[in-house]
Amino acid sequence: MKLKPTFLVHQYGGENLLIPTAGERFSGIVKGNDTLGEILSLLREETTEEQMTDAILEKFDAPREVVEKDVRHAVEELRKIGALDE
């Protein structure tokens, strides 16, 4: 899976933002913490949930189960808004 090129990732004021461009059915802004920022960064290239989990565990000190849950939730939400190419 990979983030669609019609969604832009931006950091502003300590928040990570995901913004759709014209033509996307989703017309809002997604705001998130550093974990979401890392997930969005990883989704710039083709990746899997397991690869994202492993990469986040290298950066953050958290239990694997918590990171897996966070990644799964983020991917589900990104799917709902049509932000992923799969």
N, C-alpha and C. Protein backbone atom coordinates (compact mmCIF):
# COMPACT_ATOMS: atom_id res chain seq x y z
N MET A 1 0.84 -1.18 0.00
CA MET A 1 0.00 0.00 0.00
C MET A 1 0.88 1.23 0.00
N LYS A 2 0.30 2.32 -0.44
CA LYS A 2 1.03 3.58 -0.57
C LYS A 2 0.03 4.73 -0.51
N LEU A 3 0.47 5.87 -0.02
CA LEU A 3 -0.38 7.06 0.01
C LEU A 3 -0.60 7.56 -1.41
N LYS A 4 -1.84 7.88 -1.74
CA LYS A 4 -2.13 8.43 -3.07
C LYS A 4 -1.41 9.77 -3.26
N PRO A 5 -0.93 10.02 -4.47
CA PRO A 5 -0.23 11.29 -4.71
C PRO A 5 -1.15 12.51 -4.63
N THR A 6 -2.46 12.29 -4.58
CA THR A 6 -3.41 13.39 -4.48
C THR A 6 -3.65 13.82 -3.03
N PHE A 7 -2.88 13.24 -2.09
CA PHE A 7 -2.94 13.65 -0.69
C PHE A 7 -1.58 14.20 -0.29
N LEU A 8 -1.58 15.37 0.30
CA LEU A 8 -0.34 16.04 0.69
C LEU A 8 -0.13 15.92 2.19
N VAL A 9 1.12 15.67 2.58
CA VAL A 9 1.49 15.58 3.99
C VAL A 9 2.25 16.86 4.34
N HIS A 10 1.86 17.44 5.47
CA HIS A 10 2.47 18.70 5.87
C HIS A 10 2.57 18.76 7.40
N GLN A 11 3.61 19.38 7.91
CA GLN A 11 3.72 19.63 9.34
C GLN A 11 3.52 21.12 9.59
N TYR A 12 2.69 21.43 10.58
CA TYR A 12 2.42 22.83 10.90
C TYR A 12 2.13 22.93 12.39
N GLY A 13 2.85 23.78 13.05
CA GLY A 13 2.60 24.02 14.47
C GLY A 13 2.68 22.77 15.32
N GLY A 14 3.58 21.87 14.99
CA GLY A 14 3.74 20.64 15.77
C GLY A 14 2.74 19.56 15.46
N GLU A 15 1.86 19.79 14.50
CA GLU A 15 0.88 18.78 14.10
C GLU A 15 1.21 18.26 12.72
N ASN A 16 0.86 17.03 12.50
CA ASN A 16 1.01 16.40 11.19
C ASN A 16 -0.33 16.45 10.49
N LEU A 17 -0.33 16.97 9.28
CA LEU A 17 -1.57 17.17 8.53
C LEU A 17 -1.56 16.36 7.25
N LEU A 18 -2.72 15.85 6.89
CA LEU A 18 -2.94 15.19 5.61
C LEU A 18 -4.04 15.96 4.90
N ILE A 19 -3.73 16.46 3.71
CA ILE A 19 -4.66 17.35 3.01
C ILE A 19 -4.91 16.80 1.61
N PRO A 20 -6.18 16.60 1.24
CA PRO A 20 -6.47 16.13 -0.11
C PRO A 20 -6.40 17.29 -1.11
N THR A 21 -6.06 16.96 -2.34
CA THR A 21 -6.09 17.96 -3.40
C THR A 21 -7.42 17.86 -4.12
N ALA A 22 -7.63 18.73 -5.08
CA ALA A 22 -8.90 18.76 -5.82
C ALA A 22 -9.17 17.41 -6.46
N GLY A 23 -10.42 17.06 -6.48
CA GLY A 23 -10.83 15.83 -7.13
C GLY A 23 -11.01 14.65 -6.19
N GLU A 24 -10.57 14.77 -4.96
CA GLU A 24 -10.76 13.69 -4.00
C GLU A 24 -12.14 13.83 -3.36
N ARG A 25 -12.76 12.71 -3.05
CA ARG A 25 -14.09 12.76 -2.43
C ARG A 25 -14.03 13.24 -0.99
N PHE A 26 -12.91 13.01 -0.31
CA PHE A 26 -12.72 13.51 1.05
C PHE A 26 -12.29 14.97 0.96
N SER A 27 -12.94 15.83 1.74
CA SER A 27 -12.64 17.26 1.63
C SER A 27 -12.29 17.90 2.97
N GLY A 28 -11.70 17.13 3.84
CA GLY A 28 -11.31 17.67 5.14
C GLY A 28 -9.81 17.67 5.31
N ILE A 29 -9.39 17.88 6.54
CA ILE A 29 -7.97 17.82 6.89
C ILE A 29 -7.84 16.82 8.03
N VAL A 30 -6.88 15.93 7.92
CA VAL A 30 -6.60 14.97 8.98
C VAL A 30 -5.42 15.50 9.78
N LYS A 31 -5.61 15.62 11.11
CA LYS A 31 -4.55 16.08 12.01
C LYS A 31 -4.14 14.90 12.88
N GLY A 32 -2.82 14.83 13.17
CA GLY A 32 -2.38 13.72 14.00
C GLY A 32 -1.07 14.00 14.72
N ASN A 33 -0.72 13.05 15.56
CA ASN A 33 0.48 13.15 16.38
C ASN A 33 1.71 12.65 15.61
N ASP A 34 2.82 12.50 16.33
CA ASP A 34 4.06 12.06 15.69
C ASP A 34 3.96 10.65 15.12
N THR A 35 3.17 9.78 15.76
CA THR A 35 3.00 8.43 15.23
C THR A 35 2.32 8.48 13.86
N LEU A 36 1.27 9.26 13.74
CA LEU A 36 0.62 9.40 12.44
C LEU A 36 1.58 10.03 11.44
N GLY A 37 2.34 11.00 11.86
CA GLY A 37 3.33 11.61 10.97
C GLY A 37 4.30 10.59 10.43
N GLU A 38 4.76 9.69 11.29
CA GLU A 38 5.68 8.64 10.85
C GLU A 38 4.99 7.68 9.88
N ILE A 39 3.75 7.32 10.17
CA ILE A 39 2.98 6.43 9.29
C ILE A 39 2.83 7.08 7.92
N LEU A 40 2.46 8.34 7.88
CA LEU A 40 2.29 9.04 6.61
C LEU A 40 3.61 9.13 5.85
N SER A 41 4.69 9.34 6.57
CA SER A 41 6.00 9.39 5.94
C SER A 41 6.36 8.05 5.32
N LEU A 42 6.10 6.98 6.03
CA LEU A 42 6.38 5.64 5.53
C LEU A 42 5.52 5.29 4.32
N LEU A 43 4.32 5.84 4.28
CA LEU A 43 3.39 5.55 3.17
C LEU A 43 3.75 6.31 1.89
N ARG A 44 4.79 7.10 1.91
CA ARG A 44 5.23 7.75 0.67
C ARG A 44 5.81 6.72 -0.30
N GLU A 45 6.25 5.59 0.26
CA GLU A 45 6.77 4.47 -0.53
C GLU A 45 5.86 3.26 -0.29
N GLU A 46 5.90 2.32 -1.19
CA GLU A 46 5.13 1.08 -1.02
C GLU A 46 5.57 0.40 0.28
N THR A 47 4.61 0.02 1.12
CA THR A 47 4.92 -0.59 2.41
C THR A 47 3.77 -1.46 2.88
N THR A 48 4.00 -2.17 3.97
CA THR A 48 2.96 -3.00 4.59
C THR A 48 2.76 -2.54 6.03
N GLU A 49 1.70 -3.01 6.65
CA GLU A 49 1.46 -2.68 8.06
C GLU A 49 2.61 -3.20 8.93
N GLU A 50 3.10 -4.39 8.64
CA GLU A 50 4.19 -4.97 9.42
C GLU A 50 5.47 -4.15 9.28
N GLN A 51 5.78 -3.71 8.08
CA GLN A 51 6.96 -2.88 7.87
C GLN A 51 6.83 -1.54 8.60
N MET A 52 5.65 -0.96 8.58
CA MET A 52 5.44 0.30 9.30
C MET A 52 5.60 0.09 10.79
N THR A 53 5.03 -1.00 11.31
CA THR A 53 5.16 -1.30 12.74
C THR A 53 6.62 -1.43 13.13
N ASP A 54 7.38 -2.18 12.35
CA ASP A 54 8.82 -2.36 12.65
C ASP A 54 9.56 -1.03 12.63
N ALA A 55 9.28 -0.18 11.65
CA ALA A 55 9.96 1.11 11.55
C ALA A 55 9.61 2.02 12.72
N ILE A 56 8.36 2.01 13.14
CA ILE A 56 7.93 2.86 14.26
C ILE A 56 8.56 2.36 15.56
N LEU A 57 8.67 1.05 15.73
CA LEU A 57 9.30 0.50 16.93
C LEU A 57 10.76 0.89 17.03
N GLU A 58 11.41 1.14 15.90
CA GLU A 58 12.81 1.58 15.91
C GLU A 58 12.93 3.03 16.41
N LYS A 59 11.86 3.82 16.22
CA LYS A 59 11.89 5.24 16.60
C LYS A 59 11.28 5.53 17.96
N PHE A 60 10.26 4.78 18.34
CA PHE A 60 9.52 5.06 19.56
C PHE A 60 9.58 3.88 20.51
N ASP A 61 9.61 4.18 21.79
CA ASP A 61 9.64 3.15 22.83
C ASP A 61 8.20 2.86 23.24
N ALA A 62 7.66 1.80 22.65
CA ALA A 62 6.28 1.41 22.95
C ALA A 62 6.14 -0.09 22.76
N PRO A 63 5.18 -0.71 23.42
CA PRO A 63 4.95 -2.14 23.22
C PRO A 63 4.48 -2.42 21.78
N ARG A 64 4.94 -3.53 21.23
CA ARG A 64 4.60 -3.90 19.85
C ARG A 64 3.08 -3.93 19.65
N GLU A 65 2.35 -4.47 20.62
CA GLU A 65 0.89 -4.58 20.47
C GLU A 65 0.23 -3.22 20.32
N VAL A 66 0.75 -2.24 21.03
CA VAL A 66 0.19 -0.88 20.96
C VAL A 66 0.47 -0.28 19.59
N VAL A 67 1.70 -0.44 19.11
CA VAL A 67 2.06 0.11 17.80
C VAL A 67 1.27 -0.59 16.69
N GLU A 68 1.13 -1.90 16.79
CA GLU A 68 0.34 -2.63 15.77
C GLU A 68 -1.10 -2.11 15.74
N LYS A 69 -1.68 -1.88 16.90
CA LYS A 69 -3.05 -1.36 16.98
C LYS A 69 -3.13 0.04 16.38
N ASP A 70 -2.15 0.89 16.69
CA ASP A 70 -2.15 2.26 16.16
C ASP A 70 -2.00 2.26 14.64
N VAL A 71 -1.11 1.43 14.13
CA VAL A 71 -0.91 1.35 12.67
C VAL A 71 -2.17 0.83 12.00
N ARG A 72 -2.75 -0.23 12.55
CA ARG A 72 -3.98 -0.81 11.97
C ARG A 72 -5.10 0.23 11.95
N HIS A 73 -5.26 0.96 13.05
CA HIS A 73 -6.30 1.99 13.12
C HIS A 73 -6.06 3.10 12.09
N ALA A 74 -4.82 3.56 11.99
CA ALA A 74 -4.51 4.62 11.03
C ALA A 74 -4.78 4.16 9.60
N VAL A 75 -4.38 2.94 9.27
CA VAL A 75 -4.60 2.41 7.92
C VAL A 75 -6.10 2.29 7.64
N GLU A 76 -6.87 1.82 8.60
CA GLU A 76 -8.33 1.72 8.43
C GLU A 76 -8.94 3.09 8.14
N GLU A 77 -8.52 4.10 8.90
CA GLU A 77 -9.05 5.45 8.71
C GLU A 77 -8.62 6.04 7.36
N LEU A 78 -7.38 5.80 6.96
CA LEU A 78 -6.91 6.28 5.66
C LEU A 78 -7.66 5.60 4.51
N ARG A 79 -7.99 4.32 4.70
CA ARG A 79 -8.80 3.61 3.69
C ARG A 79 -10.19 4.26 3.57
N LYS A 80 -10.79 4.57 4.72
CA LYS A 80 -12.13 5.15 4.72
C LYS A 80 -12.20 6.44 3.91
N ILE A 81 -11.14 7.23 3.96
CA ILE A 81 -11.18 8.50 3.24
C ILE A 81 -10.61 8.39 1.83
N GLY A 82 -10.19 7.18 1.45
CA GLY A 82 -9.70 6.96 0.10
C GLY A 82 -8.30 7.48 -0.15
N ALA A 83 -7.46 7.49 0.90
CA ALA A 83 -6.12 8.06 0.78
C ALA A 83 -5.04 7.06 0.35
N LEU A 84 -5.42 5.78 0.24
CA LEU A 84 -4.41 4.75 -0.05
C LEU A 84 -4.58 4.15 -1.44
N ASP A 85 -3.44 3.90 -2.09
CA ASP A 85 -3.38 3.08 -3.29
C ASP A 85 -3.00 1.68 -2.84
N GLU A 86 -3.87 0.72 -3.16
CA GLU A 86 -3.58 -0.66 -2.74
C GLU A 86 -3.66 -1.60 -3.91
